[in-house]
C-alpha cells in the first residue's frame, strides 16, 4: 500500500471520520465492480463459449440467455444461473 494512504488512515481521530471513510470505500468498490461487470457483459453474446470460474473450479459452457446481472449458461447439459462477474469468453 502507498505510504500516503497509510498516513491518512493513521491520522483518523474519530469514529465518525472512520465511518465516513468506510462509506466512501464501499462506494468506490461498488463502482469498480459495476465497471467490471459492464466490460464482461459487453463481450458476451448468446451462443458464446465461456469459462466459468466458481468454487467448484473452472468449467466451460455456452451462454443461453443474458440478463441484467446474471447469465444462463449450459454446462454439460445442465443450465446454471451464473453471475456475469464469474464469466470469461473462452
C-alpha atoms as a PDB file:
ATOM      1  CA  UNK A   1       0.000   0.000   0.000  1.00  0.00           C
ATOM      2  CA  UNK A   2       1.085   3.547  -0.549  1.00  0.00           C
ATOM      3  CA  UNK A   3       2.528   5.372   2.423  1.00  0.00           C
ATOM      4  CA  UNK A   4       0.223   8.343   1.853  1.00  0.00           C
ATOM      5  CA  UNK A   5      -2.835   6.114   2.288  1.00  0.00           C
ATOM      6  CA  UNK A   6      -1.403   4.589   5.451  1.00  0.00           C
ATOM      7  CA  UNK A   7      -0.616   8.041   6.839  1.00  0.00           C
ATOM      8  CA  UNK A   8      -4.151   9.240   6.039  1.00  0.00           C
ATOM      9  CA  UNK A   9      -5.654   6.219   7.802  1.00  0.00           C
ATOM     10  CA  UNK A  10      -3.437   6.733  10.834  1.00  0.00           C
ATOM     11  CA  UNK A  11      -4.473  10.395  11.033  1.00  0.00           C
ATOM     12  CA  UNK A  12      -8.155   9.485  11.529  1.00  0.00           C
ATOM     13  CA  UNK A  13      -9.059  10.540  15.035  1.00  0.00           C
ATOM     14  CA  UNK A  14     -12.748   9.793  15.465  1.00  0.00           C
ATOM     15  CA  UNK A  15     -15.272   7.082  14.751  1.00  0.00           C
ATOM     16  CA  UNK A  16     -17.316   9.465  12.611  1.00  0.00           C
ATOM     17  CA  UNK A  17     -14.359  10.115  10.323  1.00  0.00           C
ATOM     18  CA  UNK A  18     -13.664   6.398  10.122  1.00  0.00           C
ATOM     19  CA  UNK A  19     -17.285   5.622   9.200  1.00  0.00           C
ATOM     20  CA  UNK A  20     -17.164   8.300   6.503  1.00  0.00           C
ATOM     21  CA  UNK A  21     -14.030   6.747   5.006  1.00  0.00           C
ATOM     22  CA  UNK A  22     -15.573   3.270   5.119  1.00  0.00           C
ATOM     23  CA  UNK A  23     -18.680   4.535   3.284  1.00  0.00           C
ATOM     24  CA  UNK A  24     -16.505   6.116   0.571  1.00  0.00           C
ATOM     25  CA  UNK A  25     -14.519   2.900   0.153  1.00  0.00           C
ATOM     26  CA  UNK A  26     -17.748   0.896  -0.210  1.00  0.00           C
ATOM     27  CA  UNK A  27     -18.991   3.303  -2.894  1.00  0.00           C
ATOM     28  CA  UNK A  28     -15.714   3.012  -4.804  1.00  0.00           C
ATOM     29  CA  UNK A  29     -15.831  -0.807  -4.527  1.00  0.00           C
ATOM     30  CA  UNK A  30     -19.359  -0.821  -5.968  1.00  0.00           C
ATOM     31  CA  UNK A  31     -18.234   1.396  -8.867  1.00  0.00           C
ATOM     32  CA  UNK A  32     -15.283  -0.861  -9.692  1.00  0.00           C
ATOM     33  CA  UNK A  33     -17.493  -3.971  -9.617  1.00  0.00           C
ATOM     34  CA  UNK A  34     -20.076  -2.397 -11.913  1.00  0.00           C
ATOM     35  CA  UNK A  35     -17.373  -1.417 -14.416  1.00  0.00           C
ATOM     36  CA  UNK A  36     -16.013  -4.964 -14.373  1.00  0.00           C
ATOM     37  CA  UNK A  37     -19.498  -6.422 -14.986  1.00  0.00           C
ATOM     38  CA  UNK A  38     -20.191  -3.926 -17.790  1.00  0.00           C
ATOM     39  CA  UNK A  39     -16.972  -4.876 -19.576  1.00  0.00           C
ATOM     40  CA  UNK A  40     -17.687  -8.590 -19.178  1.00  0.00           C
ATOM     41  CA  UNK A  41     -21.306  -8.161 -20.295  1.00  0.00           C
ATOM     42  CA  UNK A  42     -20.295  -6.264 -23.434  1.00  0.00           C
ATOM     43  CA  UNK A  43     -18.054  -9.137 -24.513  1.00  0.00           C
ATOM     44  CA  UNK A  44     -20.767 -11.789 -24.024  1.00  0.00           C
ATOM     45  CA  UNK A  45     -23.445 -12.815 -26.504  1.00  0.00           C
ATOM     46  CA  UNK A  46     -25.966 -15.644 -26.713  1.00  0.00           C
ATOM     47  CA  UNK A  47     -24.112 -18.691 -28.015  1.00  0.00           C
ATOM     48  CA  UNK A  48     -20.712 -17.533 -26.740  1.00  0.00           C
ATOM     49  CA  UNK A  49     -18.441 -20.176 -25.283  1.00  0.00           C
ATOM     50  CA  UNK A  50     -17.442 -19.107 -21.781  1.00  0.00           C
ATOM     51  CA  UNK A  51     -15.163 -20.138 -18.958  1.00  0.00           C
ATOM     52  CA  UNK A  52     -16.927 -20.202 -15.593  1.00  0.00           C
ATOM     53  CA  UNK A  53     -14.726 -19.769 -12.523  1.00  0.00           C
ATOM     54  CA  UNK A  54     -16.598 -20.922  -9.421  1.00  0.00           C
ATOM     55  CA  UNK A  55     -15.850 -22.518  -6.085  1.00  0.00           C
ATOM     56  CA  UNK A  56     -16.029 -25.909  -7.852  1.00  0.00           C
ATOM     57  CA  UNK A  57     -13.172 -24.953 -10.155  1.00  0.00           C
ATOM     58  CA  UNK A  58     -13.114 -23.911 -13.787  1.00  0.00           C
ATOM     59  CA  UNK A  59     -15.759 -25.202 -16.186  1.00  0.00           C
ATOM     60  CA  UNK A  60     -16.658 -24.396 -19.776  1.00  0.00           C
ATOM     61  CA  UNK A  61     -20.125 -23.783 -21.156  1.00  0.00           C
ATOM     62  CA  UNK A  62     -22.307 -21.892 -23.638  1.00  0.00           C
ATOM     63  CA  UNK A  63     -24.387 -18.774 -22.889  1.00  0.00           C
ATOM     64  CA  UNK A  64     -28.129 -19.352 -23.444  1.00  0.00           C
ATOM     65  CA  UNK A  65     -29.534 -16.071 -22.119  1.00  0.00           C
ATOM     66  CA  UNK A  66     -28.115 -12.806 -20.749  1.00  0.00           C
ATOM     67  CA  UNK A  67     -29.999 -10.979 -18.008  1.00  0.00           C
ATOM     68  CA  UNK A  68     -29.159  -7.740 -16.215  1.00  0.00           C
ATOM     69  CA  UNK A  69     -26.675  -9.190 -13.693  1.00  0.00           C
ATOM     70  CA  UNK A  70     -26.644 -12.912 -14.494  1.00  0.00           C
ATOM     71  CA  UNK A  71     -26.497 -15.216 -17.474  1.00  0.00           C
ATOM     72  CA  UNK A  72     -27.931 -18.677 -18.027  1.00  0.00           C
ATOM     73  CA  UNK A  73     -25.082 -20.977 -19.038  1.00  0.00           C
ATOM     74  CA  UNK A  74     -25.329 -24.581 -20.208  1.00  0.00           C
ATOM     75  CA  UNK A  75     -22.534 -26.730 -18.776  1.00  0.00           C
ATOM     76  CA  UNK A  76     -22.523 -30.453 -19.586  1.00  0.00           C
ATOM     77  CA  UNK A  77     -26.233 -30.377 -20.450  1.00  0.00           C
ATOM     78  CA  UNK A  78     -27.297 -28.612 -17.242  1.00  0.00           C
ATOM     79  CA  UNK A  79     -28.381 -24.955 -17.090  1.00  0.00           C
ATOM     80  CA  UNK A  80     -26.897 -22.710 -14.431  1.00  0.00           C
ATOM     81  CA  UNK A  81     -27.767 -19.123 -13.478  1.00  0.00           C
ATOM     82  CA  UNK A  82     -24.288 -17.565 -13.195  1.00  0.00           C
ATOM     83  CA  UNK A  83     -23.266 -14.044 -12.153  1.00  0.00           C
ATOM     84  CA  UNK A  84     -21.667 -12.251 -15.097  1.00  0.00           C
ATOM     85  CA  UNK A  85     -18.658 -11.400 -12.929  1.00  0.00           C
ATOM     86  CA  UNK A  86     -17.509 -15.059 -12.919  1.00  0.00           C
ATOM     87  CA  UNK A  87     -17.773 -15.482 -16.712  1.00  0.00           C
ATOM     88  CA  UNK A  88     -14.976 -15.023 -19.248  1.00  0.00           C
ATOM     89  CA  UNK A  89     -15.137 -15.536 -23.002  1.00  0.00           C
ATOM     90  CA  UNK A  90     -13.290 -18.771 -23.786  1.00  0.00           C
END
